[in-house]
């Protein structure tokens, strides 16, 4: 009995020491909830960094405040000025990527998204450069996007105006754009391996911002030894890697056929060119992870935004009608949409940007890490501090948007109806870690969206009284499942 009492006192003493140590460490950091041993102050947002909790956090402690993940400080940036100052004005200072237990399990510090230092610089620069190269020439990515837009049009055409859930065909089309860029070919809807690939990515994304993710980060021993979500996520990761390695093997067996035609071709050439270069990070493991990252960053986000786009066309039929009127005025019904058309379609291009703003599918950025001591909004931020930017708050900042909580394409139009950019439009983040696929995503979104609205009028199925515009919380903010009817606009073509 005495031993039990002594142990209790020892534990209480150690917890008290940790508590006091945390209070001491928090001096000089921006204000925030009181941190406690083991759990830090993540408890304040109930392990769920959603719209309401982050807004309440900013209202309580200011647009720059501190949460503690265990004993590690996390600086939270809220609103355009704080996010811009934190990510863009001090871009290189906060270009590190958070290396956590789960992130290390998923990527081992390789590839583009989760890497740091020399690996990140080399892989990122190569990725940016290769995507630019693949966007030019006869076999450029625009042709691949137009192909997928055509197949998507054919899918809706075959439904003859019947109610259909657009989710999977959209995911299939967008994922095939990445497939064309990375592998040099597309997959059919019936391909079982491709369906399994999509299911694996869906599971990984769902895990990414679940309660289980935070629990795994805090209680690593339990995550390591107990069956559950993390183990299923790692199995999904292994399937994706195996899928990519098989594609790499096929490319090697096929041999070179002249100029590189896809990302793997370019990467294999880069491995050959740098095999005798000291400190080169170009190898098969980094190639597999880079492809993994391209899929993760390039398919889920664009597909989710397109699902929101069609949902908003149901909610705002007057805006859909205006887009179609502009398309009909500027382009012929048989015209194949290309990205250059955006310059002649200011209202449509404004609608697309408003969809990106209003859907706000990325609530927060993947946390960054200060690679050296720096200053953000007057606060001294030590090396190693994590930075979590609330991108959503920049897109709804009332100081920079006239009607932030209304769907209003006028946000991107001047008084003469010309398209204008907005400095607070940070849908693709900012700074050194800005999304490398921004141009490709915009091109995909424009060509597919315009191709669909050129051919079909989208309506609510008969009997549906109310359209649900709430989001499903996760790594990306998805709409709830819905159905629509695609009514052909040009009988001779559709």
Protein backbone atom coordinates (compact mmCIF):
# COMPACT_ATOMS: atom_id res chain seq x y z
CA UNK A 1 0.00 0.00 0.00
CA UNK A 2 2.82 2.37 0.97
CA UNK A 3 4.62 1.65 -2.33
CA UNK A 4 1.46 2.53 -4.29
CA UNK A 5 1.11 5.83 -2.43
CA UNK A 6 4.77 6.65 -3.05
CA UNK A 7 4.40 5.87 -6.78
CA UNK A 8 1.35 8.12 -7.00
CA UNK A 9 3.26 10.97 -5.35
CA UNK A 10 6.24 10.42 -7.68
CA UNK A 11 3.98 10.52 -10.74
CA UNK A 12 2.22 13.65 -9.51
CA UNK A 13 5.58 15.27 -8.77
CA UNK A 14 6.92 14.46 -12.25
CA UNK A 15 3.74 15.74 -13.89
CA UNK A 16 3.97 18.94 -11.85
CA UNK A 17 7.58 19.43 -12.93
CA UNK A 18 6.58 18.91 -16.58
CA UNK A 19 3.67 21.30 -16.20
CA UNK A 20 5.90 24.04 -14.76
CA UNK A 21 8.51 23.37 -17.43
CA UNK A 22 5.88 23.86 -20.15
CA UNK A 23 4.77 27.16 -18.60
CA UNK A 24 8.40 28.31 -18.57
CA UNK A 25 8.95 27.26 -22.21
CA UNK A 26 5.79 29.06 -23.34
CA UNK A 27 7.14 32.46 -22.23
CA UNK A 28 7.89 34.66 -25.24
CA UNK A 29 5.67 32.67 -27.58
CA UNK A 30 2.38 34.15 -28.84
CA UNK A 31 -0.52 33.64 -26.40
CA UNK A 32 -2.53 30.42 -26.40
CA UNK A 33 -4.32 27.84 -24.25
CA UNK A 34 -2.49 26.51 -21.18
CA UNK A 35 -0.41 23.44 -22.13
CA UNK A 36 -0.50 20.29 -20.00
CA UNK A 37 1.97 17.39 -19.78
CA UNK A 38 1.71 14.73 -22.53
CA UNK A 39 -1.27 16.26 -24.39
CA UNK A 40 -0.01 19.86 -24.57
CA UNK A 41 -2.87 22.22 -25.49
CA UNK A 42 -4.30 20.34 -28.48
CA UNK A 43 -7.13 19.49 -26.09
CA UNK A 44 -8.38 23.07 -26.55
CA UNK A 45 -9.45 22.34 -30.14
CA UNK A 46 -10.60 18.83 -29.17
CA UNK A 47 -7.97 17.20 -31.42
CA UNK A 48 -9.90 18.57 -34.42
CA UNK A 49 -8.58 21.66 -36.20
CA UNK A 50 -11.88 22.60 -37.84
CA UNK A 51 -13.41 25.94 -38.91
CA UNK A 52 -15.16 26.71 -35.65
CA UNK A 53 -12.37 25.81 -33.26
CA UNK A 54 -9.68 27.73 -35.18
CA UNK A 55 -11.92 30.78 -35.47
CA UNK A 56 -12.63 30.64 -31.73
CA UNK A 57 -8.90 30.23 -31.08
CA UNK A 58 -8.15 33.40 -33.08
CA UNK A 59 -10.97 35.34 -31.42
CA UNK A 60 -9.69 34.33 -27.98
CA UNK A 61 -5.92 34.66 -28.43
CA UNK A 62 -5.38 36.67 -31.63
CA UNK A 63 -4.46 36.00 -35.27
CA UNK A 64 -1.11 34.55 -34.22
CA UNK A 65 -1.25 32.19 -31.27
CA UNK A 66 0.40 29.05 -29.91
CA UNK A 67 -0.80 25.50 -29.43
CA UNK A 68 1.39 22.81 -27.91
CA UNK A 69 1.58 19.31 -29.40
CA UNK A 70 2.90 17.57 -26.33
CA UNK A 71 6.03 19.61 -25.54
CA UNK A 72 6.35 21.04 -29.06
CA UNK A 73 5.12 24.56 -29.87
CA UNK A 74 2.82 25.01 -32.90
CA UNK A 75 2.26 28.56 -34.10
CA UNK A 76 -1.21 29.01 -35.61
CA UNK A 77 -1.65 31.75 -38.23
CA UNK A 78 -5.15 33.08 -38.89
CA UNK A 79 -6.26 35.70 -41.45
CA UNK A 80 -4.56 36.95 -44.60
CA UNK A 81 -1.94 39.21 -43.05
CA UNK A 82 -0.76 36.64 -40.52
CA UNK A 83 -0.63 33.83 -43.11
CA UNK A 84 1.10 35.98 -45.73
CA UNK A 85 3.64 37.31 -43.24
CA UNK A 86 4.30 33.88 -41.81
CA UNK A 87 4.60 31.92 -45.06
CA UNK A 88 5.64 34.41 -47.75
CA UNK A 89 7.58 37.19 -46.03
CA UNK A 90 9.67 34.64 -44.12
CA UNK A 91 9.43 31.94 -46.76
CA UNK A 92 12.88 30.39 -46.52
CA UNK A 93 12.94 30.59 -42.71
CA UNK A 94 9.84 28.39 -42.45
CA UNK A 95 10.46 26.06 -45.40
CA UNK A 96 11.05 22.98 -43.24
CA UNK A 97 8.57 20.14 -43.15
CA UNK A 98 7.32 18.70 -39.90
CA UNK A 99 8.89 15.30 -39.28
CA UNK A 100 6.48 13.37 -37.08
CA UNK A 101 6.06 9.71 -36.24
CA UNK A 102 3.29 9.19 -38.83
CA UNK A 103 4.91 11.36 -41.53
CA UNK A 104 8.15 9.37 -41.17
CA UNK A 105 6.19 6.14 -41.43
CA UNK A 106 4.52 7.34 -44.63
CA UNK A 107 7.46 8.91 -46.49
CA UNK A 108 10.74 8.24 -44.63
CA UNK A 109 11.76 11.81 -45.46
CA UNK A 110 11.81 11.16 -49.21
CA UNK A 111 9.99 12.68 -52.19
CA UNK A 112 8.60 16.22 -52.31
CA UNK A 113 5.83 16.75 -49.74
CA UNK A 114 7.47 15.41 -46.57
CA UNK A 115 11.19 15.86 -47.28
CA UNK A 116 13.63 18.49 -46.06
CA UNK A 117 17.04 19.91 -46.91
CA UNK A 118 18.90 18.71 -49.99
CA UNK A 119 16.37 15.97 -50.82
CA UNK A 120 13.49 18.47 -50.81
CA UNK A 121 15.37 21.08 -52.88
CA UNK A 122 16.47 18.61 -55.55
CA UNK A 123 13.18 16.71 -55.75
CA UNK A 124 11.06 19.87 -55.73
CA UNK A 125 13.12 21.65 -58.41
CA UNK A 126 13.10 18.55 -60.59
CA UNK A 127 9.35 18.11 -60.08
CA UNK A 128 8.56 21.73 -60.99
CA UNK A 129 10.81 21.61 -64.04
CA UNK A 130 9.44 18.30 -65.31
CA UNK A 131 5.81 19.38 -64.92
CA UNK A 132 6.62 22.49 -66.99
CA UNK A 133 8.23 20.36 -69.70
CA UNK A 134 5.28 17.99 -69.79
CA UNK A 135 2.97 20.95 -70.31
CA UNK A 136 4.53 21.79 -73.68
CA UNK A 137 4.59 20.11 -77.12
CA UNK A 138 2.30 17.69 -78.91
CA UNK A 139 2.20 15.28 -76.00
CA UNK A 140 1.65 18.03 -73.41
CA UNK A 141 -0.69 17.68 -70.48
CA UNK A 142 -3.40 19.84 -72.11
CA UNK A 143 -4.12 17.08 -74.60
CA UNK A 144 -4.39 14.57 -71.77
CA UNK A 145 -6.85 16.81 -69.90
CA UNK A 146 -8.94 17.27 -73.04
CA UNK A 147 -9.03 13.49 -73.45
CA UNK A 148 -10.32 12.99 -69.90
CA UNK A 149 -12.85 15.80 -70.35
CA UNK A 150 -14.10 13.97 -73.46
CA UNK A 151 -14.51 10.68 -71.56
CA UNK A 152 -16.33 12.49 -68.76
CA UNK A 153 -18.69 14.10 -71.28
CA UNK A 154 -19.31 10.63 -72.77
CA UNK A 155 -20.08 9.25 -69.30
CA UNK A 156 -22.81 11.84 -68.68
CA UNK A 157 -24.06 11.50 -72.24
CA UNK A 158 -24.67 7.77 -71.72
CA UNK A 159 -26.80 8.49 -68.64
CA UNK A 160 -29.43 10.27 -70.80
CA UNK A 161 -30.29 12.79 -68.12
CA UNK A 162 -30.79 10.21 -65.37
CA UNK A 163 -29.81 11.08 -61.80
CA UNK A 164 -26.21 10.07 -61.12
CA UNK A 165 -23.55 10.57 -58.44
CA UNK A 166 -20.67 12.35 -60.24
CA UNK A 167 -18.01 11.51 -57.62
CA UNK A 168 -16.29 8.44 -59.05
CA UNK A 169 -16.25 9.50 -62.73
CA UNK A 170 -14.73 12.85 -61.67
CA UNK A 171 -12.09 11.13 -59.51
CA UNK A 172 -11.39 8.75 -62.39
CA UNK A 173 -10.94 11.59 -64.90
CA UNK A 174 -8.67 13.68 -62.67
CA UNK A 175 -6.60 10.68 -61.58
CA UNK A 176 -6.12 9.70 -65.20
CA UNK A 177 -4.66 13.14 -65.91
CA UNK A 178 -1.98 12.38 -63.31
CA UNK A 179 -1.57 8.89 -64.78
CA UNK A 180 -0.94 10.37 -68.23
CA UNK A 181 1.62 12.80 -66.78
CA UNK A 182 3.39 10.23 -64.60
CA UNK A 183 2.93 6.89 -66.39
CA UNK A 184 2.21 8.01 -69.95
CA UNK A 185 -1.13 6.20 -70.20
CA UNK A 186 -4.64 6.13 -68.73
CA UNK A 187 -6.71 3.41 -67.02
CA UNK A 188 -10.26 2.29 -67.76
CA UNK A 189 -13.09 2.49 -65.23
CA UNK A 190 -13.12 -1.32 -65.07
CA UNK A 191 -9.41 -1.71 -64.17
CA UNK A 192 -9.36 -3.43 -60.75
CA UNK A 193 -5.82 -2.34 -59.85
CA UNK A 194 -6.67 1.26 -60.65
CA UNK A 195 -9.80 1.10 -58.48
CA UNK A 196 -7.71 -0.35 -55.67
CA UNK A 197 -5.20 2.47 -56.13
CA UNK A 198 -7.98 5.03 -55.73
CA UNK A 199 -9.32 3.23 -52.66
CA UNK A 200 -5.84 3.22 -51.11
CA UNK A 201 -5.48 6.97 -51.60
CA UNK A 202 -8.99 7.57 -50.25
CA UNK A 203 -8.09 5.71 -47.07
CA UNK A 204 -4.80 7.60 -46.64
CA UNK A 205 -6.58 10.95 -47.07
CA UNK A 206 -9.35 9.97 -44.65
CA UNK A 207 -6.79 8.95 -42.02
CA UNK A 208 -4.79 12.17 -42.43
CA UNK A 209 -7.05 14.45 -40.42
CA UNK A 210 -8.92 11.92 -38.29
CA UNK A 211 -8.81 11.66 -34.52
CA UNK A 212 -6.80 8.46 -34.97
CA UNK A 213 -4.01 10.43 -36.65
CA UNK A 214 -3.57 12.73 -33.65
CA UNK A 215 -3.78 9.80 -31.24
CA UNK A 216 -1.05 7.98 -33.20
CA UNK A 217 1.20 11.04 -33.03
CA UNK A 218 0.79 11.43 -29.25
CA UNK A 219 0.70 7.74 -28.23
CA UNK A 220 3.27 6.28 -30.60
CA UNK A 221 3.83 3.02 -28.71
CA UNK A 222 0.15 2.14 -28.90
CA UNK A 223 0.01 3.07 -32.59
CA UNK A 224 3.01 0.84 -33.26
CA UNK A 225 1.70 -2.26 -31.52
CA UNK A 226 -2.09 -2.14 -31.73
CA UNK A 227 -4.05 -3.07 -34.87
CA UNK A 228 -6.17 -0.34 -36.38
CA UNK A 229 -6.23 2.65 -38.70
CA UNK A 230 -2.46 3.22 -38.90
CA UNK A 231 -1.79 -0.38 -39.94
CA UNK A 232 -4.45 -0.15 -42.66
CA UNK A 233 -2.94 3.17 -43.79
CA UNK A 234 0.53 1.62 -44.03
CA UNK A 235 -0.90 -1.28 -46.06
CA UNK A 236 -2.49 1.29 -48.40
CA UNK A 237 0.88 3.05 -48.67
CA UNK A 238 2.57 -0.25 -49.53
CA UNK A 239 0.02 -0.98 -52.27
CA UNK A 240 0.61 2.43 -53.87
CA UNK A 241 4.37 1.93 -53.76
CA UNK A 242 4.06 -1.52 -55.30
CA UNK A 243 1.82 -0.11 -58.04
CA UNK A 244 4.37 2.62 -58.85
CA UNK A 245 7.33 0.22 -58.81
CA UNK A 246 5.54 -2.01 -61.30
CA UNK A 247 5.08 0.98 -63.63
CA UNK A 248 8.79 1.85 -63.24
CA UNK A 249 9.69 -1.75 -64.10
CA UNK A 250 7.52 -1.58 -67.23
CA UNK A 251 9.23 1.64 -68.31
CA UNK A 252 12.67 0.07 -67.85
CA UNK A 253 11.66 -3.04 -69.81
CA UNK A 254 10.19 -0.92 -72.60
CA UNK A 255 13.46 0.98 -72.95
CA UNK A 256 13.92 4.44 -74.38
CA UNK A 257 11.94 5.42 -77.45
CA UNK A 258 13.48 8.84 -78.07
CA UNK A 259 12.38 11.85 -76.08
CA UNK A 260 10.98 11.31 -72.54
CA UNK A 261 7.19 11.22 -72.64
CA UNK A 262 6.20 11.17 -68.95
CA UNK A 263 7.47 11.85 -65.44
CA UNK A 264 8.98 8.39 -64.97
CA UNK A 265 10.86 8.70 -68.28
CA UNK A 266 12.34 12.03 -67.17
CA UNK A 267 13.21 10.66 -63.73
CA UNK A 268 14.95 7.57 -65.12
CA UNK A 269 17.00 9.87 -67.36
CA UNK A 270 17.84 12.03 -64.34
CA UNK A 271 19.04 9.00 -62.37
CA UNK A 272 21.32 8.09 -65.26
CA UNK A 273 22.65 11.65 -65.61
CA UNK A 274 23.42 12.04 -61.90
CA UNK A 275 24.67 8.54 -61.03
CA UNK A 276 28.24 9.84 -60.58
CA UNK A 277 27.25 13.20 -59.04
CA UNK A 278 28.14 13.50 -55.34
CA UNK A 279 25.16 14.17 -53.02
CA UNK A 280 22.61 13.32 -55.74
CA UNK A 281 19.27 12.30 -54.24
CA UNK A 282 17.87 10.85 -57.47
CA UNK A 283 17.15 7.16 -56.94
CA UNK A 284 14.20 4.79 -57.23
CA UNK A 285 13.01 5.29 -53.63
CA UNK A 286 12.76 9.05 -54.11
CA UNK A 287 11.11 8.54 -57.49
CA UNK A 288 8.44 6.27 -55.94
CA UNK A 289 7.73 8.79 -53.19
CA UNK A 290 7.68 11.73 -55.65
CA UNK A 291 5.05 9.91 -57.74
CA UNK A 292 3.13 9.10 -54.54
CA UNK A 293 3.17 12.82 -53.66
CA UNK A 294 2.06 13.92 -57.14
CA UNK A 295 -0.96 11.66 -56.91
CA UNK A 296 -1.78 12.72 -53.36
CA UNK A 297 -1.50 16.42 -54.15
CA UNK A 298 -2.86 16.39 -57.68
CA UNK A 299 -5.87 14.09 -57.76
CA UNK A 300 -7.71 14.39 -54.44
CA UNK A 301 -7.81 18.20 -54.35
CA UNK A 302 -8.83 18.80 -57.97
CA UNK A 303 -11.47 16.07 -57.93
CA UNK A 304 -12.97 17.41 -54.70
CA UNK A 305 -13.08 20.96 -56.10
CA UNK A 306 -14.83 19.75 -59.28
CA UNK A 307 -17.44 17.97 -57.15
CA UNK A 308 -18.06 21.28 -55.36
CA UNK A 309 -18.19 23.06 -58.73
CA UNK A 310 -21.07 20.96 -60.04
CA UNK A 311 -22.86 21.17 -56.69
CA UNK A 312 -22.67 24.97 -56.79
CA UNK A 313 -24.08 24.95 -60.33
CA UNK A 314 -27.12 23.17 -58.87
CA UNK A 315 -27.38 25.67 -56.03
CA UNK A 316 -26.86 28.72 -58.27
CA UNK A 317 -28.57 27.94 -61.61
CA UNK A 318 -28.48 31.63 -62.56
CA UNK A 319 -24.66 31.57 -62.42
CA UNK A 320 -24.60 28.34 -64.43
CA UNK A 321 -26.77 30.06 -67.05
CA UNK A 322 -24.44 33.09 -67.23
CA UNK A 323 -21.40 30.84 -67.71
CA UNK A 324 -23.14 28.96 -70.52
CA UNK A 325 -24.25 32.20 -72.17
CA UNK A 326 -20.63 33.40 -72.21
CA UNK A 327 -19.41 30.05 -73.56
CA UNK A 328 -22.06 30.13 -76.32
CA UNK A 329 -21.22 33.73 -77.25
CA UNK A 330 -17.45 33.24 -77.46
CA UNK A 331 -17.06 29.61 -78.59
CA UNK A 332 -18.85 27.38 -81.08
CA UNK A 333 -20.56 24.21 -79.74
CA UNK A 334 -17.97 22.03 -81.48
CA UNK A 335 -14.97 23.94 -80.09
CA UNK A 336 -12.60 21.81 -77.99
CA UNK A 337 -11.90 23.77 -74.81
CA UNK A 338 -8.26 24.75 -74.31
CA UNK A 339 -6.61 26.67 -71.49
CA UNK A 340 -5.96 29.68 -73.71
CA UNK A 341 -9.76 30.21 -73.88
CA UNK A 342 -9.70 31.57 -70.30
CA UNK A 343 -8.53 34.93 -71.68
CA UNK A 344 -11.78 35.24 -73.66
CA UNK A 345 -14.04 34.03 -70.83
CA UNK A 346 -13.59 36.45 -67.91
CA UNK A 347 -16.88 35.65 -66.17
CA UNK A 348 -16.34 31.90 -66.42
CA UNK A 349 -12.78 32.25 -65.14
CA UNK A 350 -14.07 34.38 -62.25
CA UNK A 351 -16.65 31.69 -61.40
CA UNK A 352 -13.90 29.07 -61.33
CA UNK A 353 -11.81 31.14 -58.93
CA UNK A 354 -14.85 31.80 -56.74
CA UNK A 355 -15.48 28.04 -56.60
CA UNK A 356 -11.87 27.56 -55.46
CA UNK A 357 -12.30 30.30 -52.85
CA UNK A 358 -15.74 29.41 -51.56
CA UNK A 359 -15.23 25.63 -51.37
CA UNK A 360 -11.95 26.19 -49.48
CA UNK A 361 -11.18 22.49 -49.46
CA UNK A 362 -7.83 22.82 -47.62
CA UNK A 363 -8.47 24.16 -44.15
CA UNK A 364 -4.85 24.24 -42.96
CA UNK A 365 -1.49 23.68 -44.59
CA UNK A 366 0.62 20.66 -43.72
CA UNK A 367 2.63 22.10 -40.78
CA UNK A 368 5.92 23.73 -41.65
CA UNK A 369 8.96 24.02 -39.43
CA UNK A 370 11.22 26.98 -38.74
CA UNK A 371 14.66 25.94 -40.04
CA UNK A 372 16.30 28.79 -38.14
CA UNK A 373 15.37 31.47 -35.61
CA UNK A 374 13.06 34.01 -37.23
CA UNK A 375 10.48 36.70 -36.50
CA UNK A 376 6.78 36.56 -37.38
CA UNK A 377 4.54 39.54 -36.66
CA UNK A 378 6.95 40.77 -34.00
CA UNK A 379 7.33 37.45 -32.18
CA UNK A 380 10.69 35.70 -31.94
CA UNK A 381 10.21 32.17 -33.26
CA UNK A 382 12.95 29.68 -32.34
CA UNK A 383 14.28 27.11 -34.77
CA UNK A 384 12.17 23.95 -34.65
CA UNK A 385 8.86 25.72 -34.03
CA UNK A 386 6.00 24.35 -36.12
CA UNK A 387 3.86 26.74 -38.18
CA UNK A 388 0.25 25.84 -39.01
CA UNK A 389 -1.41 28.28 -41.43
CA UNK A 390 -5.20 28.46 -41.65
CA UNK A 391 -5.59 28.93 -45.42
CA UNK A 392 -9.38 28.94 -45.08
CA UNK A 393 -9.22 32.13 -43.01
CA UNK A 394 -7.47 34.01 -45.83
CA UNK A 395 -10.23 33.10 -48.30
CA UNK A 396 -12.95 34.41 -45.98
CA UNK A 397 -11.11 37.35 -44.43
CA UNK A 398 -13.71 40.19 -44.29
CA UNK A 399 -10.95 42.77 -44.61
CA UNK A 400 -10.13 41.53 -48.14
CA UNK A 401 -13.40 40.13 -49.53
CA UNK A 402 -16.51 42.25 -50.02
CA UNK A 403 -18.98 39.42 -49.31
CA UNK A 404 -16.80 36.62 -47.91
CA UNK A 405 -19.63 34.28 -46.93
CA UNK A 406 -21.57 34.62 -50.18
CA UNK A 407 -20.82 32.86 -53.47
CA UNK A 408 -19.96 35.91 -55.54
CA UNK A 409 -17.96 35.70 -58.83
CA UNK A 410 -17.77 39.50 -58.67
CA UNK A 411 -14.88 39.07 -56.24
CA UNK A 412 -12.73 38.39 -59.31
CA UNK A 413 -14.18 40.97 -61.73
CA UNK A 414 -13.51 44.69 -62.07
CA UNK A 415 -16.22 47.26 -62.84
CA UNK A 416 -15.79 46.59 -66.57
CA UNK A 417 -16.24 42.84 -66.22
CA UNK A 418 -12.56 41.97 -66.68
CA UNK A 419 -11.00 39.19 -64.63
CA UNK A 420 -8.76 40.39 -61.78
CA UNK A 421 -6.55 38.49 -59.35
CA UNK A 422 -6.82 39.06 -55.59
CA UNK A 423 -3.86 39.10 -53.21
CA UNK A 424 -5.82 37.24 -50.52
CA UNK A 425 -6.50 34.33 -52.89
CA UNK A 426 -4.11 31.79 -51.32
CA UNK A 427 -5.99 28.62 -52.25
CA UNK A 428 -2.67 27.00 -53.26
CA UNK A 429 -0.78 28.22 -50.18
CA UNK A 430 2.25 30.54 -50.35
CA UNK A 431 6.01 30.68 -49.98
CA UNK A 432 8.58 27.99 -50.68
CA UNK A 433 6.07 25.20 -50.05
CA UNK A 434 3.42 26.46 -52.46
CA UNK A 435 1.63 23.67 -54.35
CA UNK A 436 3.87 22.61 -57.28
CA UNK A 437 0.83 21.50 -59.29
CA UNK A 438 -1.04 24.83 -59.19
CA UNK A 439 -0.81 25.49 -62.93
CA UNK A 440 -1.82 21.93 -63.79
CA UNK A 441 -4.74 22.04 -61.34
CA UNK A 442 -6.05 25.30 -62.79
CA UNK A 443 -5.72 23.95 -66.31
CA UNK A 444 -7.58 20.73 -65.38
CA UNK A 445 -10.32 22.59 -63.56
CA UNK A 446 -10.87 25.08 -66.39
CA UNK A 447 -10.91 22.57 -69.27
CA UNK A 448 -13.09 19.97 -67.52
CA UNK A 449 -15.51 22.48 -66.00
CA UNK A 450 -15.99 24.39 -69.26
CA UNK A 451 -16.28 21.17 -71.30
CA UNK A 452 -19.08 19.93 -69.05
CA UNK A 453 -21.01 23.21 -68.98
CA UNK A 454 -20.59 23.61 -72.71
CA UNK A 455 -22.38 20.28 -73.27
CA UNK A 456 -24.83 19.93 -70.37
CA UNK A 457 -27.24 21.78 -68.17
CA UNK A 458 -26.95 20.37 -64.65
CA UNK A 459 -30.16 20.13 -62.67
CA UNK A 460 -31.41 18.75 -59.36
CA UNK A 461 -33.07 15.31 -59.62
CA UNK A 462 -36.84 15.27 -59.37
CA UNK A 463 -38.09 15.13 -55.80
CA UNK A 464 -34.99 16.67 -54.20
CA UNK A 465 -36.21 19.57 -52.06
CA UNK A 466 -32.97 20.72 -50.45
CA UNK A 467 -29.31 20.67 -51.50
CA UNK A 468 -26.81 19.99 -48.71
CA UNK A 469 -23.87 22.40 -48.99
CA UNK A 470 -22.25 21.42 -45.68
CA UNK A 471 -18.83 19.84 -45.88
CA UNK A 472 -17.49 16.56 -44.54
CA UNK A 473 -14.52 17.38 -42.34
CA UNK A 474 -11.21 15.74 -43.28
CA UNK A 475 -7.85 16.39 -44.91
CA UNK A 476 -9.91 17.93 -47.69
CA UNK A 477 -13.38 19.36 -47.10
CA UNK A 478 -15.62 17.20 -49.28
CA UNK A 479 -19.29 17.78 -50.12
CA UNK A 480 -21.79 15.21 -48.94
CA UNK A 481 -22.69 12.63 -51.62
CA UNK A 482 -25.23 14.00 -54.07
CA UNK A 483 -26.82 13.22 -57.41
CA UNK A 484 -27.49 15.41 -60.43
CA UNK A 485 -29.01 15.21 -63.88
CA UNK A 486 -26.90 16.18 -66.90
CA UNK A 487 -29.31 17.42 -69.58
CA UNK A 488 -27.74 17.68 -73.07
CA UNK A 489 -27.70 21.25 -74.35
CA UNK A 490 -26.91 20.46 -77.98
CA UNK A 491 -29.07 17.60 -79.20
CA UNK A 492 -27.01 17.10 -82.37
CA UNK A 493 -23.87 16.56 -80.32
CA UNK A 494 -25.07 15.08 -77.04
